[in-house]
Amino acid sequence: MIFVFKTSVKTKMEVKKIKPHINKVLPRAKWNFDLEDRDKILRIDSVENIRLIIIELLNIHHYNCEELA
């Protein structure tokens, strides 16, 4: 299942900073940020329902994150 989130992650350095945390909570998921999109999209391909996990994780690290419908 593909999950799509709007985030406040703006730079490659911020992605690098959050990467180990995402990999820790979602070790089998494939994910990427589209920093060129105005919504700074985070796409996650996961068999698990990760909606709340990823929103909470980014919020803990001071990033906004909301799922797009």
PDB file of N, CA and C in Angstrom:
ATOM      1  N   MET A   1       0.844  -1.173   0.000  1.00  0.00           N
ATOM      2  CA  MET A   1       0.000   0.000   0.000  1.00  0.00           C
ATOM      3  C   MET A   1       0.895   1.243   0.000  1.00  0.00           C
ATOM      4  N   ILE A   2       0.510   2.244  -0.780  1.00  0.00           N
ATOM      5  CA  ILE A   2       1.266   3.486  -0.860  1.00  0.00           C
ATOM      6  C   ILE A   2       0.589   4.539   0.009  1.00  0.00           C
ATOM      7  N   PHE A   3       1.368   5.147   0.878  1.00  0.00           N
ATOM      8  CA  PHE A   3       0.896   6.236   1.730  1.00  0.00           C
ATOM      9  C   PHE A   3       1.589   7.512   1.276  1.00  0.00           C
ATOM     10  N   VAL A   4       0.845   8.618   1.231  1.00  0.00           N
ATOM     11  CA  VAL A   4       1.400   9.890   0.771  1.00  0.00           C
ATOM     12  C   VAL A   4       1.129  10.949   1.831  1.00  0.00           C
ATOM     13  N   PHE A   5       2.199  11.661   2.211  1.00  0.00           N
ATOM     14  CA  PHE A   5       2.101  12.666   3.262  1.00  0.00           C
ATOM     15  C   PHE A   5       2.665  13.998   2.794  1.00  0.00           C
ATOM     16  N   LYS A   6       2.039  15.053   3.222  1.00  0.00           N
ATOM     17  CA  LYS A   6       2.555  16.407   3.058  1.00  0.00           C
ATOM     18  C   LYS A   6       3.398  16.681   4.303  1.00  0.00           C
ATOM     19  N   THR A   7       4.627  17.188   4.109  1.00  0.00           N
ATOM     20  CA  THR A   7       5.502  17.415   5.257  1.00  0.00           C
ATOM     21  C   THR A   7       6.120  18.814   5.219  1.00  0.00           C
ATOM     22  N   SER A   8       6.831  19.124   6.286  1.00  0.00           N
ATOM     23  CA  SER A   8       7.586  20.383   6.333  1.00  0.00           C
ATOM     24  C   SER A   8       9.089  20.132   6.216  1.00  0.00           C
ATOM     25  N   VAL A   9       9.483  18.941   5.801  1.00  0.00           N
ATOM     26  CA  VAL A   9      10.898  18.616   5.565  1.00  0.00           C
ATOM     27  C   VAL A   9      11.303  19.329   4.278  1.00  0.00           C
ATOM     28  N   LYS A  10      12.329  20.187   4.358  1.00  0.00           N
ATOM     29  CA  LYS A  10      12.640  21.044   3.214  1.00  0.00           C
ATOM     30  C   LYS A  10      13.955  20.733   2.501  1.00  0.00           C
ATOM     31  N   THR A  11      14.904  20.139   3.195  1.00  0.00           N
ATOM     32  CA  THR A  11      16.230  19.984   2.597  1.00  0.00           C
ATOM     33  C   THR A  11      16.716  18.531   2.651  1.00  0.00           C
ATOM     34  N   LYS A  12      17.722  18.250   1.826  1.00  0.00           N
ATOM     35  CA  LYS A  12      18.333  16.916   1.844  1.00  0.00           C
ATOM     36  C   LYS A  12      18.980  16.644   3.197  1.00  0.00           C
ATOM     37  N   MET A  13      19.500  17.679   3.822  1.00  0.00           N
ATOM     38  CA  MET A  13      20.114  17.517   5.138  1.00  0.00           C
ATOM     39  C   MET A  13      19.064  17.094   6.173  1.00  0.00           C
ATOM     40  N   GLU A  14      17.872  17.655   6.082  1.00  0.00           N
ATOM     41  CA  GLU A  14      16.801  17.254   6.997  1.00  0.00           C
ATOM     42  C   GLU A  14      16.373  15.805   6.734  1.00  0.00           C
ATOM     43  N   VAL A  15      16.335  15.411   5.479  1.00  0.00           N
ATOM     44  CA  VAL A  15      16.016  14.017   5.142  1.00  0.00           C
ATOM     45  C   VAL A  15      17.072  13.097   5.740  1.00  0.00           C
ATOM     46  N   LYS A  16      18.325  13.474   5.591  1.00  0.00           N
ATOM     47  CA  LYS A  16      19.420  12.669   6.133  1.00  0.00           C
ATOM     48  C   LYS A  16      19.296  12.534   7.655  1.00  0.00           C
ATOM     49  N   LYS A  17      18.846  13.587   8.292  1.00  0.00           N
ATOM     50  CA  LYS A  17      18.687  13.600   9.747  1.00  0.00           C
ATOM     51  C   LYS A  17      17.552  12.675  10.211  1.00  0.00           C
ATOM     52  N   ILE A  18      16.456  12.641   9.462  1.00  0.00           N
ATOM     53  CA  ILE A  18      15.286  11.844   9.859  1.00  0.00           C
ATOM     54  C   ILE A  18      15.372  10.401   9.355  1.00  0.00           C
ATOM     55  N   LYS A  19      16.206  10.150   8.357  1.00  0.00           N
ATOM     56  CA  LYS A  19      16.306   8.831   7.721  1.00  0.00           C
ATOM     57  C   LYS A  19      16.500   7.669   8.702  1.00  0.00           C
ATOM     58  N   PRO A  20      17.461   7.739   9.637  1.00  0.00           N
ATOM     59  CA  PRO A  20      17.636   6.587  10.533  1.00  0.00           C
ATOM     60  C   PRO A  20      16.410   6.308  11.407  1.00  0.00           C
ATOM     61  N   HIS A  21      15.672   7.342  11.726  1.00  0.00           N
ATOM     62  CA  HIS A  21      14.477   7.178  12.559  1.00  0.00           C
ATOM     63  C   HIS A  21      13.352   6.499  11.772  1.00  0.00           C
ATOM     64  N   ILE A  22      13.191   6.888  10.515  1.00  0.00           N
ATOM     65  CA  ILE A  22      12.181   6.243   9.673  1.00  0.00           C
ATOM     66  C   ILE A  22      12.565   4.786   9.445  1.00  0.00           C
ATOM     67  N   ASN A  23      13.828   4.545   9.134  1.00  0.00           N
ATOM     68  CA  ASN A  23      14.281   3.168   8.893  1.00  0.00           C
ATOM     69  C   ASN A  23      14.121   2.289  10.132  1.00  0.00           C
ATOM     70  N   LYS A  24      14.264   2.883  11.288  1.00  0.00           N
ATOM     71  CA  LYS A  24      14.129   2.111  12.532  1.00  0.00           C
ATOM     72  C   LYS A  24      12.684   1.662  12.758  1.00  0.00           C
ATOM     73  N   VAL A  25      11.727   2.552  12.540  1.00  0.00           N
ATOM     74  CA  VAL A  25      10.326   2.193  12.794  1.00  0.00           C
ATOM     75  C   VAL A  25       9.678   1.481  11.605  1.00  0.00           C
ATOM     76  N   LEU A  26      10.247   1.643  10.420  1.00  0.00           N
ATOM     77  CA  LEU A  26       9.710   1.001   9.216  1.00  0.00           C
ATOM     78  C   LEU A  26      10.829   0.262   8.473  1.00  0.00           C
ATOM     79  N   PRO A  27      11.391  -0.773   9.074  1.00  0.00           N
ATOM     80  CA  PRO A  27      12.568  -1.412   8.470  1.00  0.00           C
ATOM     81  C   PRO A  27      12.323  -2.081   7.118  1.00  0.00           C
ATOM     82  N   ARG A  28      11.106  -2.491   6.830  1.00  0.00           N
ATOM     83  CA  ARG A  28      10.829  -3.181   5.559  1.00  0.00           C
ATOM     84  C   ARG A  28      10.161  -2.278   4.520  1.00  0.00           C
ATOM     85  N   ALA A  29       9.877  -1.060   4.886  1.00  0.00           N
ATOM     86  CA  ALA A  29       9.169  -0.154   3.976  1.00  0.00           C
ATOM     87  C   ALA A  29      10.141   0.530   3.014  1.00  0.00           C
ATOM     88  N   LYS A  30       9.633   0.851   1.837  1.00  0.00           N
ATOM     89  CA  LYS A  30      10.369   1.674   0.879  1.00  0.00           C
ATOM     90  C   LYS A  30       9.766   3.069   0.960  1.00  0.00           C
ATOM     91  N   TRP A  31      10.606   4.087   1.014  1.00  0.00           N
ATOM     92  CA  TRP A  31      10.090   5.442   1.157  1.00  0.00           C
ATOM     93  C   TRP A  31      11.023   6.441   0.478  1.00  0.00           C
ATOM     94  N   ASN A  32      10.454   7.601   0.159  1.00  0.00           N
ATOM     95  CA  ASN A  32      11.256   8.688  -0.392  1.00  0.00           C
ATOM     96  C   ASN A  32      10.535  10.019  -0.218  1.00  0.00           C
ATOM     97  N   PHE A  33      11.327  11.081  -0.206  1.00  0.00           N
ATOM     98  CA  PHE A  33      10.799  12.440  -0.156  1.00  0.00           C
ATOM     99  C   PHE A  33      10.899  13.047  -1.545  1.00  0.00           C
ATOM    100  N   ASP A  34       9.900  13.833  -1.916  1.00  0.00           N
ATOM    101  CA  ASP A  34       9.958  14.651  -3.130  1.00  0.00           C
ATOM    102  C   ASP A  34      10.047  16.098  -2.663  1.00  0.00           C
ATOM    103  N   LEU A  35      11.275  16.588  -2.504  1.00  0.00           N
ATOM    104  CA  LEU A  35      11.498  17.930  -1.982  1.00  0.00           C
ATOM    105  C   LEU A  35      11.220  19.010  -3.023  1.00  0.00           C
ATOM    106  N   GLU A  36      11.081  18.615  -4.271  1.00  0.00           N
ATOM    107  CA  GLU A  36      10.784  19.595  -5.313  1.00  0.00           C
ATOM    108  C   GLU A  36       9.297  19.909  -5.386  1.00  0.00           C
ATOM    109  N   ASP A  37       8.484  19.026  -4.869  1.00  0.00           N
ATOM    110  CA  ASP A  37       7.047  19.271  -4.796  1.00  0.00           C
ATOM    111  C   ASP A  37       6.786  20.340  -3.735  1.00  0.00           C
ATOM    112  N   ARG A  38       5.841  21.214  -3.975  1.00  0.00           N
ATOM    113  CA  ARG A  38       5.573  22.298  -3.016  1.00  0.00           C
ATOM    114  C   ARG A  38       5.102  21.777  -1.663  1.00  0.00           C
ATOM    115  N   ASP A  39       4.559  20.556  -1.628  1.00  0.00           N
ATOM    116  CA  ASP A  39       4.093  19.963  -0.372  1.00  0.00           C
ATOM    117  C   ASP A  39       5.141  19.075   0.293  1.00  0.00           C
ATOM    118  N   LYS A  40       6.350  19.024  -0.275  1.00  0.00           N
ATOM    119  CA  LYS A  40       7.447  18.221   0.297  1.00  0.00           C
ATOM    120  C   LYS A  40       6.962  16.817   0.639  1.00  0.00           C
ATOM    121  N   ILE A  41       6.527  16.133  -0.389  1.00  0.00           N
ATOM    122  CA  ILE A  41       5.833  14.848  -0.267  1.00  0.00           C
ATOM    123  C   ILE A  41       6.750  13.736   0.256  1.00  0.00           C
ATOM    124  N   LEU A  42       6.209  12.970   1.183  1.00  0.00           N
ATOM    125  CA  LEU A  42       6.827  11.731   1.643  1.00  0.00           C
ATOM    126  C   LEU A  42       5.928  10.598   1.181  1.00  0.00           C
ATOM    127  N   ARG A  43       6.488   9.690   0.368  1.00  0.00           N
ATOM    128  CA  ARG A  43       5.757   8.511  -0.101  1.00  0.00           C
ATOM    129  C   ARG A  43       6.350   7.286   0.580  1.00  0.00           C
ATOM    130  N   ILE A  44       5.455   6.447   1.080  1.00  0.00           N
ATOM    131  CA  ILE A  44       5.903   5.227   1.759  1.00  0.00           C
ATOM    132  C   ILE A  44       5.132   4.045   1.192  1.00  0.00           C
ATOM    133  N   ASP A  45       5.869   3.024   0.806  1.00  0.00           N
ATOM    134  CA  ASP A  45       5.290   1.768   0.337  1.00  0.00           C
ATOM    135  C   ASP A  45       5.474   0.760   1.461  1.00  0.00           C
ATOM    136  N   SER A  46       4.364   0.385   2.085  1.00  0.00           N
ATOM    137  CA  SER A  46       4.432  -0.500   3.245  1.00  0.00           C
ATOM    138  C   SER A  46       3.201  -1.392   3.294  1.00  0.00           C
ATOM    139  N   VAL A  47       3.394  -2.621   3.723  1.00  0.00           N
ATOM    140  CA  VAL A  47       2.260  -3.529   3.895  1.00  0.00           C
ATOM    141  C   VAL A  47       1.538  -3.232   5.210  1.00  0.00           C
ATOM    142  N   GLU A  48       2.218  -2.549   6.124  1.00  0.00           N
ATOM    143  CA  GLU A  48       1.635  -2.192   7.415  1.00  0.00           C
ATOM    144  C   GLU A  48       0.926  -0.847   7.323  1.00  0.00           C
ATOM    145  N   ASN A  49      -0.051  -0.642   8.194  1.00  0.00           N
ATOM    146  CA  ASN A  49      -0.706   0.656   8.287  1.00  0.00           C
ATOM    147  C   ASN A  49       0.182   1.563   9.148  1.00  0.00           C
ATOM    148  N   ILE A  50       0.863   2.498   8.514  1.00  0.00           N
ATOM    149  CA  ILE A  50       1.873   3.303   9.190  1.00  0.00           C
ATOM    150  C   ILE A  50       1.443   4.756   9.392  1.00  0.00           C
ATOM    151  N   ARG A  51       0.191   5.056   9.115  1.00  0.00           N
ATOM    152  CA  ARG A  51      -0.272   6.450   9.170  1.00  0.00           C
ATOM    153  C   ARG A  51       0.115   7.152  10.474  1.00  0.00           C
ATOM    154  N   LEU A  52      -0.349   6.635  11.568  1.00  0.00           N
ATOM    155  CA  LEU A  52      -0.115   7.284  12.859  1.00  0.00           C
ATOM    156  C   LEU A  52       1.349   7.235  13.267  1.00  0.00           C
ATOM    157  N   ILE A  53       2.017   6.144  12.951  1.00  0.00           N
ATOM    158  CA  ILE A  53       3.430   5.998  13.311  1.00  0.00           C
ATOM    159  C   ILE A  53       4.271   7.095  12.668  1.00  0.00           C
ATOM    160  N   ILE A  54       4.094   7.312  11.374  1.00  0.00           N
ATOM    161  CA  ILE A  54       4.941   8.274  10.669  1.00  0.00           C
ATOM    162  C   ILE A  54       4.578   9.709  11.039  1.00  0.00           C
ATOM    163  N   ILE A  55       3.306   9.998  11.232  1.00  0.00           N
ATOM    164  CA  ILE A  55       2.905  11.346  11.641  1.00  0.00           C
ATOM    165  C   ILE A  55       3.500  11.671  13.008  1.00  0.00           C
ATOM    166  N   GLU A  56       3.391  10.738  13.934  1.00  0.00           N
ATOM    167  CA  GLU A  56       3.952  10.950  15.274  1.00  0.00           C
ATOM    168  C   GLU A  56       5.469  11.082  15.219  1.00  0.00           C
ATOM    169  N   LEU A  57       6.126  10.239  14.439  1.00  0.00           N
ATOM    170  CA  LEU A  57       7.580  10.287  14.332  1.00  0.00           C
ATOM    171  C   LEU A  57       8.060  11.650  13.829  1.00  0.00           C
ATOM    172  N   LEU A  58       7.456  12.140  12.757  1.00  0.00           N
ATOM    173  CA  LEU A  58       7.878  13.434  12.237  1.00  0.00           C
ATOM    174  C   LEU A  58       7.553  14.556  13.213  1.00  0.00           C
ATOM    175  N   ASN A  59       6.417  14.476  13.869  1.00  0.00           N
ATOM    176  CA  ASN A  59       6.070  15.501  14.861  1.00  0.00           C
ATOM    177  C   ASN A  59       7.070  15.531  16.018  1.00  0.00           C
ATOM    178  N   ILE A  60       7.501  14.368  16.472  1.00  0.00           N
ATOM    179  CA  ILE A  60       8.495  14.295  17.549  1.00  0.00           C
ATOM    180  C   ILE A  60       9.782  15.015  17.144  1.00  0.00           C
ATOM    181  N   HIS A  61      10.104  14.946  15.859  1.00  0.00           N
ATOM    182  CA  HIS A  61      11.322  15.583  15.344  1.00  0.00           C
ATOM    183  C   HIS A  61      11.054  16.984  14.792  1.00  0.00           C
ATOM    184  N   HIS A  62       9.927  17.547  15.182  1.00  0.00           N
ATOM    185  CA  HIS A  62       9.568  18.947  14.887  1.00  0.00           C
ATOM    186  C   HIS A  62       9.260  19.224  13.422  1.00  0.00           C
ATOM    187  N   TYR A  63       8.709  18.235  12.735  1.00  0.00           N
ATOM    188  CA  TYR A  63       8.244  18.421  11.363  1.00  0.00           C
ATOM    189  C   TYR A  63       6.745  18.235  11.316  1.00  0.00           C
ATOM    190  N   ASN A  64       6.097  19.018  10.490  1.00  0.00           N
ATOM    191  CA  ASN A  64       4.660  18.812  10.252  1.00  0.00           C
ATOM    192  C   ASN A  64       4.493  17.666   9.278  1.00  0.00           C
ATOM    193  N   CYS A  65       3.423  16.921   9.463  1.00  0.00           N
ATOM    194  CA  CYS A  65       3.164  15.790   8.591  1.00  0.00           C
ATOM    195  C   CYS A  65       1.666  15.502   8.607  1.00  0.00           C
ATOM    196  N   GLU A  66       1.067  15.449   7.417  1.00  0.00           N
ATOM    197  CA  GLU A  66      -0.338  15.084   7.330  1.00  0.00           C
ATOM    198  C   GLU A  66      -0.563  14.228   6.089  1.00  0.00           C
ATOM    199  N   GLU A  67      -1.420  13.248   6.240  1.00  0.00           N
ATOM    200  CA  GLU A  67      -1.689  12.361   5.121  1.00  0.00           C
ATOM    201  C   GLU A  67      -2.522  13.075   4.071  1.00  0.00           C
ATOM    202  N   LEU A  68      -2.191  12.855   2.815  1.00  0.00           N
ATOM    203  CA  LEU A  68      -2.993  13.379   1.709  1.00  0.00           C
ATOM    204  C   LEU A  68      -3.939  12.302   1.224  1.00  0.00           C
ATOM    205  N   ALA A  69      -5.135  12.710   0.906  1.00  0.00           N
ATOM    206  CA  ALA A  69      -6.152  11.754   0.440  1.00  0.00           C
ATOM    207  C   ALA A  69      -6.026  11.506  -1.047  1.00  0.00           C
TER     208      ALA A  69
END
